[in-house]
């Protein structure tokens, strides 16, 4: 395994964890009646780290609307691609 592959794999692991944290915080905001002030800061941090990657994908893959529900396909696509790239990087 090369050093570049390992470093890239760890960077993608951090990105995937950031995506998971974003997902959890977004759902917590929707489901909670009240939230501590640190949640807004954590949510802003996760969005700052992931939005530069998700935003261009969102322009191509528009959210799917089903009544009042909107499913963000860009987040799902970025998550799956990040997992695939992570496994490829660790196998280098």
N, C-alpha and C. Protein backbone atom coordinates (compact mmCIF):
# COMPACT_ATOMS: atom_id res chain seq x y z
N UNK A 1 0.84 -1.18 0.00
CA UNK A 1 0.00 0.00 0.00
C UNK A 1 0.88 1.25 0.00
N UNK A 2 0.52 2.19 -0.82
CA UNK A 2 1.32 3.41 -0.90
C UNK A 2 0.88 4.42 0.16
N UNK A 3 1.78 5.29 0.48
CA UNK A 3 1.50 6.32 1.48
C UNK A 3 0.41 7.27 0.99
N UNK A 4 0.42 7.58 -0.31
CA UNK A 4 -0.60 8.47 -0.86
C UNK A 4 -1.98 7.83 -0.77
N UNK A 5 -2.06 6.55 -1.07
CA UNK A 5 -3.33 5.84 -0.96
C UNK A 5 -3.87 5.82 0.46
N UNK A 6 -2.98 5.60 1.40
CA UNK A 6 -3.39 5.57 2.81
C UNK A 6 -3.86 6.96 3.27
N UNK A 7 -3.11 7.99 2.93
CA UNK A 7 -3.51 9.35 3.32
C UNK A 7 -4.82 9.76 2.67
N UNK A 8 -4.98 9.43 1.39
CA UNK A 8 -6.23 9.73 0.69
C UNK A 8 -7.39 8.94 1.30
N UNK A 9 -7.13 7.70 1.66
CA UNK A 9 -8.16 6.89 2.31
C UNK A 9 -8.60 7.46 3.65
N UNK A 10 -7.64 7.94 4.43
CA UNK A 10 -8.00 8.55 5.72
C UNK A 10 -8.74 9.86 5.53
N UNK A 11 -8.33 10.65 4.52
CA UNK A 11 -9.05 11.90 4.24
C UNK A 11 -10.49 11.62 3.83
N UNK A 12 -10.68 10.59 3.02
CA UNK A 12 -12.05 10.22 2.62
C UNK A 12 -12.84 9.65 3.80
N UNK A 13 -12.16 8.98 4.71
CA UNK A 13 -12.84 8.49 5.92
C UNK A 13 -13.34 9.66 6.76
N UNK A 14 -12.52 10.68 6.91
CA UNK A 14 -12.95 11.88 7.64
C UNK A 14 -14.13 12.54 6.93
N UNK A 15 -14.09 12.59 5.61
CA UNK A 15 -15.19 13.19 4.85
C UNK A 15 -16.47 12.39 5.02
N UNK A 16 -16.38 11.07 5.00
CA UNK A 16 -17.57 10.23 5.20
C UNK A 16 -18.14 10.44 6.60
N UNK A 17 -17.27 10.53 7.60
CA UNK A 17 -17.74 10.79 8.97
C UNK A 17 -18.39 12.16 9.08
N UNK A 18 -17.87 13.13 8.34
CA UNK A 18 -18.47 14.46 8.31
C UNK A 18 -19.85 14.42 7.65
N UNK A 19 -19.98 13.62 6.60
CA UNK A 19 -21.30 13.43 5.96
C UNK A 19 -22.29 12.78 6.92
N UNK A 20 -21.85 11.79 7.66
CA UNK A 20 -22.73 11.13 8.62
C UNK A 20 -23.14 12.11 9.71
N UNK A 21 -22.20 12.91 10.21
CA UNK A 21 -22.53 13.91 11.22
C UNK A 21 -23.52 14.92 10.67
N UNK A 22 -23.36 15.33 9.42
CA UNK A 22 -24.30 16.26 8.80
C UNK A 22 -25.70 15.65 8.74
N UNK A 23 -25.77 14.40 8.35
CA UNK A 23 -27.06 13.73 8.25
C UNK A 23 -27.75 13.66 9.62
N UNK A 24 -27.01 13.27 10.63
CA UNK A 24 -27.58 13.14 11.98
C UNK A 24 -28.04 14.51 12.49
N UNK A 25 -27.22 15.54 12.29
CA UNK A 25 -27.60 16.87 12.78
C UNK A 25 -28.78 17.44 12.02
N UNK A 26 -28.87 17.17 10.72
CA UNK A 26 -30.02 17.64 9.96
C UNK A 26 -31.31 16.96 10.43
N UNK A 27 -31.23 15.67 10.67
CA UNK A 27 -32.41 14.95 11.16
C UNK A 27 -32.76 15.39 12.58
N UNK A 28 -31.76 15.63 13.41
CA UNK A 28 -32.02 16.08 14.78
C UNK A 28 -32.72 17.42 14.78
N UNK A 29 -32.35 18.29 13.85
CA UNK A 29 -33.00 19.59 13.77
C UNK A 29 -34.47 19.45 13.37
N UNK A 30 -34.75 18.52 12.49
CA UNK A 30 -36.14 18.32 12.05
C UNK A 30 -37.00 17.71 13.15
N UNK A 31 -36.42 16.84 13.96
CA UNK A 31 -37.21 16.08 14.92
C UNK A 31 -37.28 16.71 16.31
N UNK A 32 -36.35 17.61 16.63
CA UNK A 32 -36.28 18.15 17.99
C UNK A 32 -37.15 19.39 18.13
N UNK A 33 -37.77 19.52 19.28
CA UNK A 33 -38.53 20.74 19.58
C UNK A 33 -37.60 21.87 19.97
N UNK A 34 -36.63 21.57 20.81
CA UNK A 34 -35.61 22.55 21.18
C UNK A 34 -34.26 21.87 21.10
N UNK A 35 -33.23 22.66 20.86
CA UNK A 35 -31.90 22.08 20.73
C UNK A 35 -30.89 22.97 21.43
N UNK A 36 -29.81 22.39 21.92
CA UNK A 36 -28.76 23.20 22.57
C UNK A 36 -28.07 24.10 21.54
N UNK A 37 -27.44 25.18 21.97
CA UNK A 37 -26.81 26.11 21.03
C UNK A 37 -25.64 25.51 20.25
N UNK A 38 -24.99 24.50 20.79
CA UNK A 38 -23.85 23.92 20.09
C UNK A 38 -24.27 23.17 18.83
N UNK A 39 -25.54 22.79 18.75
CA UNK A 39 -26.01 22.05 17.57
C UNK A 39 -25.93 22.93 16.32
N UNK A 40 -26.29 24.21 16.46
CA UNK A 40 -26.22 25.12 15.32
C UNK A 40 -24.78 25.31 14.85
N UNK A 41 -23.85 25.37 15.79
CA UNK A 41 -22.44 25.52 15.43
C UNK A 41 -21.92 24.25 14.75
N UNK A 42 -22.30 23.10 15.28
CA UNK A 42 -21.85 21.83 14.69
C UNK A 42 -22.46 21.65 13.30
N UNK A 43 -23.71 22.04 13.16
CA UNK A 43 -24.37 21.93 11.85
C UNK A 43 -23.70 22.86 10.83
N UNK A 44 -23.36 24.07 11.24
CA UNK A 44 -22.66 25.00 10.35
C UNK A 44 -21.30 24.45 9.94
N UNK A 45 -20.61 23.81 10.87
CA UNK A 45 -19.30 23.22 10.58
C UNK A 45 -19.42 22.07 9.58
N UNK A 46 -20.40 21.19 9.77
CA UNK A 46 -20.55 20.06 8.85
C UNK A 46 -20.98 20.54 7.47
N UNK A 47 -21.83 21.55 7.42
CA UNK A 47 -22.24 22.09 6.12
C UNK A 47 -21.08 22.78 5.42
N UNK A 48 -20.24 23.47 6.16
CA UNK A 48 -19.08 24.14 5.57
C UNK A 48 -18.10 23.13 4.98
N UNK A 49 -17.99 21.96 5.60
CA UNK A 49 -17.06 20.95 5.11
C UNK A 49 -17.59 20.09 3.97
N UNK A 50 -18.91 19.99 3.85
CA UNK A 50 -19.48 19.09 2.85
C UNK A 50 -20.18 19.80 1.70
N UNK A 51 -20.65 21.00 1.92
CA UNK A 51 -21.42 21.70 0.88
C UNK A 51 -20.63 22.00 -0.38
N UNK A 52 -19.31 22.31 -0.32
CA UNK A 52 -18.57 22.52 -1.57
C UNK A 52 -18.55 21.29 -2.49
N UNK A 53 -18.72 20.11 -1.93
CA UNK A 53 -18.76 18.89 -2.75
C UNK A 53 -20.19 18.58 -3.17
N UNK A 54 -21.14 18.76 -2.28
CA UNK A 54 -22.53 18.39 -2.58
C UNK A 54 -23.20 19.38 -3.51
N UNK A 55 -22.88 20.66 -3.40
CA UNK A 55 -23.55 21.70 -4.18
C UNK A 55 -23.44 21.50 -5.70
N UNK A 56 -22.26 21.22 -6.25
CA UNK A 56 -22.20 20.99 -7.71
C UNK A 56 -22.98 19.75 -8.14
N UNK A 57 -22.99 18.73 -7.29
CA UNK A 57 -23.74 17.52 -7.62
C UNK A 57 -25.24 17.80 -7.56
N UNK A 58 -25.64 18.67 -6.64
CA UNK A 58 -27.06 19.02 -6.50
C UNK A 58 -27.58 19.76 -7.73
N UNK A 59 -26.70 20.50 -8.41
CA UNK A 59 -27.12 21.19 -9.64
C UNK A 59 -27.46 20.19 -10.74
N UNK A 60 -26.79 19.03 -10.73
CA UNK A 60 -27.05 18.00 -11.73
C UNK A 60 -28.18 17.08 -11.28
N UNK A 61 -28.14 16.62 -10.04
CA UNK A 61 -29.18 15.74 -9.49
C UNK A 61 -30.11 16.56 -8.60
N UNK A 62 -31.19 17.00 -9.16
CA UNK A 62 -32.15 17.80 -8.41
C UNK A 62 -32.85 16.91 -7.37
N UNK A 63 -33.26 17.50 -6.24
CA UNK A 63 -34.01 16.72 -5.24
C UNK A 63 -35.32 16.21 -5.83
N UNK A 64 -35.70 15.00 -5.45
CA UNK A 64 -36.93 14.39 -5.93
C UNK A 64 -38.06 14.78 -4.98
N UNK A 65 -39.13 15.30 -5.52
CA UNK A 65 -40.27 15.71 -4.71
C UNK A 65 -41.35 14.64 -4.75
N UNK A 66 -41.85 14.30 -3.57
CA UNK A 66 -42.95 13.34 -3.44
C UNK A 66 -43.95 13.95 -2.47
N UNK A 67 -44.85 14.75 -2.99
CA UNK A 67 -45.78 15.46 -2.12
C UNK A 67 -45.04 16.54 -1.37
N UNK A 68 -45.12 16.51 -0.04
CA UNK A 68 -44.41 17.48 0.79
C UNK A 68 -43.01 17.03 1.15
N UNK A 69 -42.60 15.87 0.69
CA UNK A 69 -41.30 15.31 1.02
C UNK A 69 -40.32 15.57 -0.12
N UNK A 70 -39.09 15.90 0.21
CA UNK A 70 -38.06 16.12 -0.79
C UNK A 70 -36.85 15.25 -0.43
N UNK A 71 -36.43 14.42 -1.37
CA UNK A 71 -35.30 13.51 -1.14
C UNK A 71 -34.09 14.06 -1.89
N UNK A 72 -33.01 14.32 -1.15
CA UNK A 72 -31.79 14.89 -1.72
C UNK A 72 -30.93 13.77 -2.29
N UNK A 73 -30.98 13.61 -3.60
CA UNK A 73 -30.19 12.57 -4.25
C UNK A 73 -28.71 12.91 -4.29
N UNK A 74 -28.38 14.20 -4.26
CA UNK A 74 -26.97 14.62 -4.31
C UNK A 74 -26.21 14.13 -3.09
N UNK A 75 -26.82 14.24 -1.91
CA UNK A 75 -26.16 13.77 -0.69
C UNK A 75 -25.90 12.26 -0.80
N UNK A 76 -26.91 11.52 -1.24
CA UNK A 76 -26.77 10.07 -1.36
C UNK A 76 -25.69 9.70 -2.37
N UNK A 77 -25.66 10.38 -3.51
CA UNK A 77 -24.66 10.09 -4.54
C UNK A 77 -23.25 10.40 -4.05
N UNK A 78 -23.08 11.54 -3.38
CA UNK A 78 -21.75 11.90 -2.85
C UNK A 78 -21.32 10.89 -1.79
N UNK A 79 -22.23 10.47 -0.94
CA UNK A 79 -21.91 9.50 0.10
C UNK A 79 -21.44 8.18 -0.51
N UNK A 80 -22.16 7.68 -1.51
CA UNK A 80 -21.81 6.41 -2.14
C UNK A 80 -20.47 6.52 -2.88
N UNK A 81 -20.27 7.61 -3.62
CA UNK A 81 -19.01 7.80 -4.34
C UNK A 81 -17.84 7.92 -3.37
N UNK A 82 -18.04 8.61 -2.26
CA UNK A 82 -16.97 8.74 -1.26
C UNK A 82 -16.60 7.38 -0.67
N UNK A 83 -17.60 6.54 -0.42
CA UNK A 83 -17.30 5.19 0.09
C UNK A 83 -16.54 4.36 -0.93
N UNK A 84 -16.93 4.45 -2.20
CA UNK A 84 -16.24 3.70 -3.26
C UNK A 84 -14.80 4.20 -3.41
N UNK A 85 -14.62 5.53 -3.46
CA UNK A 85 -13.27 6.08 -3.59
C UNK A 85 -12.39 5.73 -2.39
N UNK A 86 -13.00 5.68 -1.20
CA UNK A 86 -12.27 5.32 0.01
C UNK A 86 -11.74 3.89 -0.09
N UNK A 87 -12.59 2.98 -0.55
CA UNK A 87 -12.14 1.59 -0.67
C UNK A 87 -11.07 1.45 -1.75
N UNK A 88 -11.19 2.21 -2.81
CA UNK A 88 -10.15 2.17 -3.86
C UNK A 88 -8.84 2.75 -3.33
N UNK A 89 -8.91 3.84 -2.58
CA UNK A 89 -7.69 4.47 -2.06
C UNK A 89 -6.96 3.55 -1.09
N UNK A 90 -7.70 2.85 -0.25
CA UNK A 90 -7.04 1.95 0.70
C UNK A 90 -6.48 0.71 0.02
N UNK A 91 -6.96 0.39 -1.19
CA UNK A 91 -6.43 -0.79 -1.86
C UNK A 91 -5.21 -0.46 -2.73
N UNK A 92 -4.88 0.83 -2.86
CA UNK A 92 -3.70 1.22 -3.66
C UNK A 92 -2.41 0.81 -3.01
